[in-house]
Amino acid sequence: MNRVSIEVSEAGSDGEELDRLTRRLRADLLALDVEDVAIPDAPPAPEGAKGAATELGTLVVTLANSTVLIAVCQLARMWVQTNKNRKVLIKDGERSIELVASSQDQHDRIIDGLLKAREAEAVERD
């Protein structure tokens, strides 16, 4: 299965705000042609803690196919561009890209690099 991890952050946000932003991004991702977008559980909480913890700011996206990664990256780019304090880290296996407030051209180059590396790896496997 094709999975990528997305870590989101926003400078100055507390845990509650980061959780709200993460869930909003999750809803936006689910509108794409993805199989699933999960919020992973956090490592075990200390003894006596109440409730299940989740990993704040982290999403695991199961892609319907590899071309959906383009739409995921474009959505992440738009999400970052709406607030200069936001940052998105997309991890695809051993590769990762970080999107921060910058120009669209810079984002395009970063995303193209990830997609080309992924494509080259797929060709090598075949």
Protein backbone atom coordinates (compact mmCIF):
# COMPACT_ATOMS: atom_id res chain seq x y z
CA MET A 1 0.00 0.00 0.00
CA ASN A 2 1.16 3.52 -0.81
CA ARG A 3 1.41 5.65 2.34
CA VAL A 4 2.85 9.04 3.15
CA SER A 5 3.11 10.74 6.49
CA ILE A 6 2.26 14.41 6.91
CA GLU A 7 3.38 16.42 9.92
CA VAL A 8 1.86 19.86 10.35
CA SER A 9 2.84 22.66 12.69
CA GLU A 10 2.03 26.29 13.21
CA ALA A 11 4.26 28.56 15.28
CA GLY A 12 2.45 29.88 18.33
CA SER A 13 -0.28 27.20 18.29
CA ASP A 14 -1.06 25.23 21.41
CA GLY A 15 -2.00 21.54 21.38
CA GLU A 16 -5.71 22.23 21.06
CA GLU A 17 -5.23 24.55 18.08
CA LEU A 18 -2.81 22.12 16.41
CA ASP A 19 -5.34 19.31 16.85
CA ARG A 20 -8.06 21.48 15.27
CA LEU A 21 -5.80 22.39 12.32
CA THR A 22 -4.75 18.78 11.83
CA ARG A 23 -8.35 17.58 11.75
CA ARG A 24 -9.29 20.33 9.28
CA LEU A 25 -6.41 19.30 7.00
CA ARG A 26 -7.52 15.68 7.37
CA ALA A 27 -11.03 16.61 6.18
CA ASP A 28 -9.54 18.43 3.18
CA LEU A 29 -7.35 15.43 2.33
CA LEU A 30 -10.32 13.06 2.53
CA ALA A 31 -11.99 15.14 -0.20
CA LEU A 32 -9.18 14.02 -2.53
CA ASP A 33 -9.01 10.58 -4.16
CA VAL A 34 -7.20 9.00 -1.19
CA GLU A 35 -7.99 5.65 0.40
CA ASP A 36 -7.75 6.92 3.98
CA VAL A 37 -6.29 9.61 6.22
CA ALA A 38 -5.55 8.37 9.74
CA ILE A 39 -4.48 10.17 12.87
CA PRO A 40 -2.00 7.77 14.47
CA ASP A 41 -2.04 6.95 18.16
CA ALA A 42 0.70 8.49 20.25
CA PRO A 43 3.16 6.31 22.15
CA PRO A 44 1.69 4.83 25.33
CA ALA A 45 0.73 7.44 27.93
CA PRO A 46 2.17 7.37 31.42
CA GLU A 47 0.41 5.12 33.91
CA GLY A 48 -2.67 6.82 35.33
CA ALA A 49 -3.28 9.05 32.29
CA LYS A 50 -6.85 9.14 31.06
CA GLY A 51 -8.09 8.75 27.49
CA ALA A 52 -6.33 7.72 24.30
CA ALA A 53 -3.69 10.10 23.06
CA THR A 54 -3.07 10.90 19.42
CA GLU A 55 0.11 12.12 17.79
CA LEU A 56 -0.52 15.85 17.50
CA GLY A 57 -0.01 17.26 14.04
CA THR A 58 0.55 13.91 12.31
CA LEU A 59 -1.53 12.28 9.59
CA VAL A 60 -0.93 9.05 7.67
CA VAL A 61 -2.37 9.21 4.16
CA THR A 62 -3.06 6.00 2.25
CA LEU A 63 -2.98 6.90 -1.44
CA ALA A 64 -5.41 5.36 -3.91
CA ASN A 65 -2.59 5.50 -6.48
CA SER A 66 0.73 7.27 -6.84
CA THR A 67 -0.67 10.12 -8.93
CA VAL A 68 -2.80 11.23 -5.97
CA LEU A 69 0.44 12.31 -4.27
CA ILE A 70 0.48 15.33 -6.60
CA ALA A 71 -2.92 16.47 -5.29
CA VAL A 72 -1.83 15.84 -1.69
CA CYS A 73 1.28 18.00 -2.21
CA GLN A 74 -0.73 20.76 -3.88
CA LEU A 75 -3.20 20.80 -1.00
CA ALA A 76 -0.33 20.96 1.51
CA ARG A 77 1.17 23.87 -0.45
CA MET A 78 -2.12 25.78 -0.36
CA TRP A 79 -2.50 25.06 3.36
CA VAL A 80 0.96 26.49 4.10
CA GLN A 81 0.39 29.55 1.95
CA THR A 82 -2.69 30.58 3.96
CA ASN A 83 -0.58 31.27 7.06
CA LYS A 84 3.13 32.17 7.11
CA ASN A 85 3.56 30.42 10.48
CA ARG A 86 2.58 27.01 9.11
CA LYS A 87 4.91 24.23 8.11
CA VAL A 88 4.19 20.85 6.51
CA LEU A 89 6.61 17.94 6.38
CA ILE A 90 5.67 15.18 3.92
CA LYS A 91 7.49 11.88 4.35
CA ASP A 92 7.45 9.32 1.57
CA GLY A 93 9.52 6.40 2.76
CA GLU A 94 13.10 7.63 3.09
CA ARG A 95 12.34 10.87 1.23
CA SER A 96 10.83 13.94 2.79
CA ILE A 97 10.02 17.51 1.82
CA GLU A 98 9.25 20.47 4.01
CA LEU A 99 6.92 23.20 2.83
CA VAL A 100 7.09 26.57 4.57
CA ALA A 101 6.00 30.08 3.64
CA SER A 102 7.84 30.64 0.36
CA SER A 103 7.07 31.27 -3.27
CA GLN A 104 4.97 28.93 -5.36
CA ASP A 105 7.98 28.38 -7.66
CA GLN A 106 10.05 27.15 -4.72
CA HIS A 107 7.25 24.82 -3.65
CA ASP A 108 6.88 23.52 -7.21
CA ARG A 109 10.61 22.68 -7.39
CA ILE A 110 10.51 20.90 -4.03
CA ILE A 111 7.40 18.89 -4.93
CA ASP A 112 8.73 18.05 -8.42
CA GLY A 113 11.91 16.69 -6.83
CA LEU A 114 9.90 14.36 -4.60
CA LEU A 115 7.72 13.16 -7.47
CA LYS A 116 10.70 12.55 -9.78
CA ALA A 117 12.52 10.57 -7.09
CA ARG A 118 9.41 8.48 -6.50
CA GLU A 119 8.99 7.87 -10.23
CA ALA A 120 12.65 6.85 -10.64
CA GLU A 121 12.32 4.41 -7.76
CA ALA A 122 9.22 2.86 -9.34
CA VAL A 123 11.04 2.40 -12.66
CA GLU A 124 13.98 0.71 -10.88
CA ARG A 125 11.60 -1.77 -9.18
CA ASP A 126 10.00 -2.76 -12.50
